[in-house]
Amino acid sequence: MSFTDEQLKDFEVHGKVISLGTINELACNQCNSVRINQVAKCPQCKAVEFRQQNLVEHYKCGEVGF
């Protein structure tokens, strides 16, 4: 475990930080930078207007649910 990992664990134990778990980020496939602009579009009509809700989409079968 690195010094930084040990410090973060100590902060978490003492309530100074809260672990958010694993976070996945998109990165450029050329330079690996995470400073990218992502625009989501509807695959059917190509519109970009979305409403934010707690949905889960299973990519393999296309099922979408709350």
PDB file of N, CA and C in Angstrom:
ATOM      1  N   MET A   1       0.851  -1.176   0.000  1.00  0.00           N
ATOM      2  CA  MET A   1       0.000   0.000   0.000  1.00  0.00           C
ATOM      3  C   MET A   1       0.894   1.235   0.000  1.00  0.00           C
ATOM      4  N   SER A   2       0.593   2.193  -0.878  1.00  0.00           N
ATOM      5  CA  SER A   2       1.415   3.392  -0.990  1.00  0.00           C
ATOM      6  C   SER A   2       1.138   4.346   0.164  1.00  0.00           C
ATOM      7  N   PHE A   3       2.033   5.304   0.334  1.00  0.00           N
ATOM      8  CA  PHE A   3       1.878   6.326   1.368  1.00  0.00           C
ATOM      9  C   PHE A   3       0.550   7.066   1.202  1.00  0.00           C
ATOM     10  N   THR A   4       0.212   7.399  -0.035  1.00  0.00           N
ATOM     11  CA  THR A   4      -1.039   8.112  -0.311  1.00  0.00           C
ATOM     12  C   THR A   4      -2.242   7.268   0.066  1.00  0.00           C
ATOM     13  N   ASP A   5      -2.220   5.979  -0.292  1.00  0.00           N
ATOM     14  CA  ASP A   5      -3.314   5.081   0.073  1.00  0.00           C
ATOM     15  C   ASP A   5      -3.461   4.993   1.592  1.00  0.00           C
ATOM     16  N   GLU A   6      -2.332   4.920   2.295  1.00  0.00           N
ATOM     17  CA  GLU A   6      -2.369   4.848   3.757  1.00  0.00           C
ATOM     18  C   GLU A   6      -2.965   6.119   4.353  1.00  0.00           C
ATOM     19  N   GLN A   7      -2.580   7.259   3.810  1.00  0.00           N
ATOM     20  CA  GLN A   7      -3.114   8.535   4.304  1.00  0.00           C
ATOM     21  C   GLN A   7      -4.617   8.624   4.066  1.00  0.00           C
ATOM     22  N   LEU A   8      -5.053   8.244   2.880  1.00  0.00           N
ATOM     23  CA  LEU A   8      -6.486   8.284   2.574  1.00  0.00           C
ATOM     24  C   LEU A   8      -7.265   7.340   3.482  1.00  0.00           C
ATOM     25  N   LYS A   9      -6.732   6.148   3.735  1.00  0.00           N
ATOM     26  CA  LYS A   9      -7.395   5.203   4.627  1.00  0.00           C
ATOM     27  C   LYS A   9      -7.491   5.781   6.037  1.00  0.00           C
ATOM     28  N   ASP A  10      -6.420   6.428   6.500  1.00  0.00           N
ATOM     29  CA  ASP A  10      -6.415   7.062   7.823  1.00  0.00           C
ATOM     30  C   ASP A  10      -7.468   8.171   7.885  1.00  0.00           C
ATOM     31  N   PHE A  11      -7.548   8.989   6.844  1.00  0.00           N
ATOM     32  CA  PHE A  11      -8.559  10.054   6.798  1.00  0.00           C
ATOM     33  C   PHE A  11      -9.965   9.460   6.843  1.00  0.00           C
ATOM     34  N   GLU A  12     -10.160   8.347   6.123  1.00  0.00           N
ATOM     35  CA  GLU A  12     -11.477   7.703   6.099  1.00  0.00           C
ATOM     36  C   GLU A  12     -11.838   7.162   7.483  1.00  0.00           C
ATOM     37  N   VAL A  13     -10.876   6.502   8.149  1.00  0.00           N
ATOM     38  CA  VAL A  13     -11.104   5.953   9.486  1.00  0.00           C
ATOM     39  C   VAL A  13     -11.497   7.052  10.468  1.00  0.00           C
ATOM     40  N   HIS A  14     -10.898   8.235  10.334  1.00  0.00           N
ATOM     41  CA  HIS A  14     -11.166   9.351  11.246  1.00  0.00           C
ATOM     42  C   HIS A  14     -12.295  10.268  10.763  1.00  0.00           C
ATOM     43  N   GLY A  15     -13.015   9.842   9.727  1.00  0.00           N
ATOM     44  CA  GLY A  15     -14.184  10.592   9.274  1.00  0.00           C
ATOM     45  C   GLY A  15     -13.876  11.886   8.537  1.00  0.00           C
ATOM     46  N   LYS A  16     -12.654  12.037   8.038  1.00  0.00           N
ATOM     47  CA  LYS A  16     -12.284  13.261   7.326  1.00  0.00           C
ATOM     48  C   LYS A  16     -12.625  13.189   5.841  1.00  0.00           C
ATOM     49  N   VAL A  17     -12.734  11.984   5.307  1.00  0.00           N
ATOM     50  CA  VAL A  17     -13.150  11.774   3.917  1.00  0.00           C
ATOM     51  C   VAL A  17     -14.105  10.597   3.876  1.00  0.00           C
ATOM     52  N   ILE A  18     -14.884  10.523   2.810  1.00  0.00           N
ATOM     53  CA  ILE A  18     -15.816   9.418   2.608  1.00  0.00           C
ATOM     54  C   ILE A  18     -15.483   8.758   1.276  1.00  0.00           C
ATOM     55  N   SER A  19     -15.358   7.450   1.292  1.00  0.00           N
ATOM     56  CA  SER A  19     -15.097   6.715   0.056  1.00  0.00           C
ATOM     57  C   SER A  19     -16.356   6.688  -0.798  1.00  0.00           C
ATOM     58  N   LEU A  20     -16.207   7.012  -2.071  1.00  0.00           N
ATOM     59  CA  LEU A  20     -17.330   6.962  -3.005  1.00  0.00           C
ATOM     60  C   LEU A  20     -17.328   5.680  -3.820  1.00  0.00           C
ATOM     61  N   GLY A  21     -16.383   4.813  -3.556  1.00  0.00           N
ATOM     62  CA  GLY A  21     -16.290   3.573  -4.315  1.00  0.00           C
ATOM     63  C   GLY A  21     -15.552   3.796  -5.621  1.00  0.00           C
ATOM     64  N   THR A  22     -15.731   2.870  -6.525  1.00  0.00           N
ATOM     65  CA  THR A  22     -15.060   2.941  -7.819  1.00  0.00           C
ATOM     66  C   THR A  22     -15.791   3.896  -8.746  1.00  0.00           C
ATOM     67  N   ILE A  23     -15.037   4.740  -9.415  1.00  0.00           N
ATOM     68  CA  ILE A  23     -15.603   5.669 -10.383  1.00  0.00           C
ATOM     69  C   ILE A  23     -14.962   5.377 -11.735  1.00  0.00           C
ATOM     70  N   ASN A  24     -15.777   5.141 -12.739  1.00  0.00           N
ATOM     71  CA  ASN A  24     -15.270   4.909 -14.083  1.00  0.00           C
ATOM     72  C   ASN A  24     -15.292   6.221 -14.850  1.00  0.00           C
ATOM     73  N   GLU A  25     -14.235   6.492 -15.561  1.00  0.00           N
ATOM     74  CA  GLU A  25     -14.151   7.707 -16.368  1.00  0.00           C
ATOM     75  C   GLU A  25     -13.895   7.345 -17.823  1.00  0.00           C
ATOM     76  N   LEU A  26     -14.413   8.169 -18.707  1.00  0.00           N
ATOM     77  CA  LEU A  26     -14.098   8.028 -20.121  1.00  0.00           C
ATOM     78  C   LEU A  26     -12.793   8.745 -20.397  1.00  0.00           C
ATOM     79  N   ALA A  27     -12.006   8.198 -21.287  1.00  0.00           N
ATOM     80  CA  ALA A  27     -10.729   8.803 -21.638  1.00  0.00           C
ATOM     81  C   ALA A  27     -10.533   8.749 -23.148  1.00  0.00           C
ATOM     82  N   CYS A  28      -9.745   9.674 -23.647  1.00  0.00           N
ATOM     83  CA  CYS A  28      -9.396   9.714 -25.059  1.00  0.00           C
ATOM     84  C   CYS A  28      -8.631   8.444 -25.426  1.00  0.00           C
ATOM     85  N   ASN A  29      -9.022   7.812 -26.529  1.00  0.00           N
ATOM     86  CA  ASN A  29      -8.333   6.585 -26.929  1.00  0.00           C
ATOM     87  C   ASN A  29      -6.988   6.864 -27.599  1.00  0.00           C
ATOM     88  N   GLN A  30      -6.635   8.129 -27.790  1.00  0.00           N
ATOM     89  CA  GLN A  30      -5.340   8.480 -28.379  1.00  0.00           C
ATOM     90  C   GLN A  30      -4.309   8.862 -27.316  1.00  0.00           C
ATOM     91  N   CYS A  31      -4.733   9.713 -26.341  1.00  0.00           N
ATOM     92  CA  CYS A  31      -3.769  10.238 -25.370  1.00  0.00           C
ATOM     93  C   CYS A  31      -4.117   9.901 -23.914  1.00  0.00           C
ATOM     94  N   ASN A  32      -5.239   9.217 -23.679  1.00  0.00           N
ATOM     95  CA  ASN A  32      -5.710   8.829 -22.350  1.00  0.00           C
ATOM     96  C   ASN A  32      -6.133   9.991 -21.458  1.00  0.00           C
ATOM     97  N   SER A  33      -6.285  11.167 -22.006  1.00  0.00           N
ATOM     98  CA  SER A  33      -6.760  12.311 -21.228  1.00  0.00           C
ATOM     99  C   SER A  33      -8.227  12.110 -20.877  1.00  0.00           C
ATOM    100  N   VAL A  34      -8.609  12.508 -19.643  1.00  0.00           N
ATOM    101  CA  VAL A  34     -10.012  12.446 -19.243  1.00  0.00           C
ATOM    102  C   VAL A  34     -10.693  13.798 -19.435  1.00  0.00           C
ATOM    103  N   ARG A  35      -9.966  14.765 -19.977  1.00  0.00           N
ATOM    104  CA  ARG A  35     -10.540  16.076 -20.268  1.00  0.00           C
ATOM    105  C   ARG A  35     -11.178  16.031 -21.650  1.00  0.00           C
ATOM    106  N   ILE A  36     -12.349  15.420 -21.701  1.00  0.00           N
ATOM    107  CA  ILE A  36     -13.043  15.261 -22.967  1.00  0.00           C
ATOM    108  C   ILE A  36     -14.464  15.787 -22.843  1.00  0.00           C
ATOM    109  N   ASN A  37     -15.090  16.039 -23.950  1.00  0.00           N
ATOM    110  CA  ASN A  37     -16.478  16.486 -23.991  1.00  0.00           C
ATOM    111  C   ASN A  37     -17.310  15.346 -24.551  1.00  0.00           C
ATOM    112  N   GLN A  38     -18.258  14.890 -23.760  1.00  0.00           N
ATOM    113  CA  GLN A  38     -19.107  13.783 -24.184  1.00  0.00           C
ATOM    114  C   GLN A  38     -20.509  14.317 -24.442  1.00  0.00           C
ATOM    115  N   VAL A  39     -21.056  14.007 -25.596  1.00  0.00           N
ATOM    116  CA  VAL A  39     -22.417  14.392 -25.930  1.00  0.00           C
ATOM    117  C   VAL A  39     -23.218  13.115 -26.151  1.00  0.00           C
ATOM    118  N   ALA A  40     -24.264  12.943 -25.349  1.00  0.00           N
ATOM    119  CA  ALA A  40     -25.113  11.759 -25.479  1.00  0.00           C
ATOM    120  C   ALA A  40     -26.263  12.079 -26.422  1.00  0.00           C
ATOM    121  N   LYS A  41     -26.513  11.173 -27.336  1.00  0.00           N
ATOM    122  CA  LYS A  41     -27.604  11.335 -28.295  1.00  0.00           C
ATOM    123  C   LYS A  41     -28.468  10.087 -28.268  1.00  0.00           C
ATOM    124  N   CYS A  42     -29.744  10.275 -28.494  1.00  0.00           N
ATOM    125  CA  CYS A  42     -30.657   9.145 -28.609  1.00  0.00           C
ATOM    126  C   CYS A  42     -30.257   8.347 -29.849  1.00  0.00           C
ATOM    127  N   PRO A  43     -30.060   7.034 -29.704  1.00  0.00           N
ATOM    128  CA  PRO A  43     -29.661   6.235 -30.864  1.00  0.00           C
ATOM    129  C   PRO A  43     -30.745   6.143 -31.934  1.00  0.00           C
ATOM    130  N   GLN A  44     -31.998   6.420 -31.558  1.00  0.00           N
ATOM    131  CA  GLN A  44     -33.076   6.312 -32.529  1.00  0.00           C
ATOM    132  C   GLN A  44     -33.298   7.616 -33.281  1.00  0.00           C
ATOM    133  N   CYS A  45     -33.489   8.745 -32.544  1.00  0.00           N
ATOM    134  CA  CYS A  45     -33.844  10.005 -33.215  1.00  0.00           C
ATOM    135  C   CYS A  45     -32.707  11.026 -33.232  1.00  0.00           C
ATOM    136  N   LYS A  46     -31.594  10.733 -32.557  1.00  0.00           N
ATOM    137  CA  LYS A  46     -30.398  11.583 -32.504  1.00  0.00           C
ATOM    138  C   LYS A  46     -30.591  12.864 -31.693  1.00  0.00           C
ATOM    139  N   ALA A  47     -31.688  12.998 -30.943  1.00  0.00           N
ATOM    140  CA  ALA A  47     -31.912  14.178 -30.103  1.00  0.00           C
ATOM    141  C   ALA A  47     -30.992  14.141 -28.890  1.00  0.00           C
ATOM    142  N   VAL A  48     -30.690  15.309 -28.323  1.00  0.00           N
ATOM    143  CA  VAL A  48     -29.797  15.397 -27.166  1.00  0.00           C
ATOM    144  C   VAL A  48     -30.519  15.846 -25.897  1.00  0.00           C
ATOM    145  N   GLU A  49     -31.839  16.018 -25.943  1.00  0.00           N
ATOM    146  CA  GLU A  49     -32.585  16.447 -24.770  1.00  0.00           C
ATOM    147  C   GLU A  49     -32.901  15.224 -23.913  1.00  0.00           C
ATOM    148  N   PHE A  50     -32.413  15.225 -22.678  1.00  0.00           N
ATOM    149  CA  PHE A  50     -32.634  14.115 -21.769  1.00  0.00           C
ATOM    150  C   PHE A  50     -33.141  14.626 -20.430  1.00  0.00           C
ATOM    151  N   ARG A  51     -33.815  13.757 -19.711  1.00  0.00           N
ATOM    152  CA  ARG A  51     -34.234  14.022 -18.347  1.00  0.00           C
ATOM    153  C   ARG A  51     -33.441  13.060 -17.468  1.00  0.00           C
ATOM    154  N   GLN A  52     -32.867  13.571 -16.376  1.00  0.00           N
ATOM    155  CA  GLN A  52     -32.047  12.734 -15.515  1.00  0.00           C
ATOM    156  C   GLN A  52     -32.924  11.979 -14.525  1.00  0.00           C
ATOM    157  N   GLN A  53     -32.778  10.665 -14.509  1.00  0.00           N
ATOM    158  CA  GLN A  53     -33.470   9.787 -13.579  1.00  0.00           C
ATOM    159  C   GLN A  53     -32.524   8.657 -13.211  1.00  0.00           C
ATOM    160  N   ASN A  54     -32.924   7.875 -12.243  1.00  0.00           N
ATOM    161  CA  ASN A  54     -32.144   6.701 -11.865  1.00  0.00           C
ATOM    162  C   ASN A  54     -32.613   5.521 -12.707  1.00  0.00           C
ATOM    163  N   LEU A  55     -31.922   5.304 -13.809  1.00  0.00           N
ATOM    164  CA  LEU A  55     -32.246   4.199 -14.709  1.00  0.00           C
ATOM    165  C   LEU A  55     -31.044   3.276 -14.836  1.00  0.00           C
ATOM    166  N   VAL A  56     -31.337   2.039 -15.129  1.00  0.00           N
ATOM    167  CA  VAL A  56     -30.286   1.070 -15.405  1.00  0.00           C
ATOM    168  C   VAL A  56     -30.579   0.476 -16.767  1.00  0.00           C
ATOM    169  N   GLU A  57     -29.556   0.452 -17.624  1.00  0.00           N
ATOM    170  CA  GLU A  57     -29.710  -0.144 -18.947  1.00  0.00           C
ATOM    171  C   GLU A  57     -28.768  -1.330 -19.070  1.00  0.00           C
ATOM    172  N   HIS A  58     -29.328  -2.466 -19.448  1.00  0.00           N
ATOM    173  CA  HIS A  58     -28.519  -3.659 -19.696  1.00  0.00           C
ATOM    174  C   HIS A  58     -28.178  -3.651 -21.176  1.00  0.00           C
ATOM    175  N   TYR A  59     -26.909  -3.376 -21.493  1.00  0.00           N
ATOM    176  CA  TYR A  59     -26.491  -3.202 -22.884  1.00  0.00           C
ATOM    177  C   TYR A  59     -26.679  -4.450 -23.734  1.00  0.00           C
ATOM    178  N   LYS A  60     -26.513  -5.620 -23.140  1.00  0.00           N
ATOM    179  CA  LYS A  60     -26.568  -6.849 -23.926  1.00  0.00           C
ATOM    180  C   LYS A  60     -27.956  -7.086 -24.517  1.00  0.00           C
ATOM    181  N   CYS A  61     -29.008  -6.876 -23.694  1.00  0.00           N
ATOM    182  CA  CYS A  61     -30.349  -7.162 -24.196  1.00  0.00           C
ATOM    183  C   CYS A  61     -31.190  -5.913 -24.439  1.00  0.00           C
ATOM    184  N   GLY A  62     -30.720  -4.752 -23.977  1.00  0.00           N
ATOM    185  CA  GLY A  62     -31.446  -3.506 -24.214  1.00  0.00           C
ATOM    186  C   GLY A  62     -32.507  -3.184 -23.179  1.00  0.00           C
ATOM    187  N   GLU A  63     -32.663  -3.996 -22.144  1.00  0.00           N
ATOM    188  CA  GLU A  63     -33.657  -3.736 -21.088  1.00  0.00           C
ATOM    189  C   GLU A  63     -33.283  -2.464 -20.331  1.00  0.00           C
ATOM    190  N   VAL A  64     -34.262  -1.583 -20.147  1.00  0.00           N
ATOM    191  CA  VAL A  64     -34.076  -0.355 -19.383  1.00  0.00           C
ATOM    192  C   VAL A  64     -35.128  -0.331 -18.290  1.00  0.00           C
ATOM    193  N   GLY A  65     -34.695  -0.074 -17.056  1.00  0.00           N
ATOM    194  CA  GLY A  65     -35.655  -0.045 -15.948  1.00  0.00           C
ATOM    195  C   GLY A  65     -35.208   0.914 -14.863  1.00  0.00           C
ATOM    196  N   PHE A  66     -36.120   1.198 -13.955  1.00  0.00           N
ATOM    197  CA  PHE A  66     -35.845   2.108 -12.838  1.00  0.00           C
ATOM    198  C   PHE A  66     -35.056   1.388 -11.764  1.00  0.00           C
TER     199      PHE A  66
END
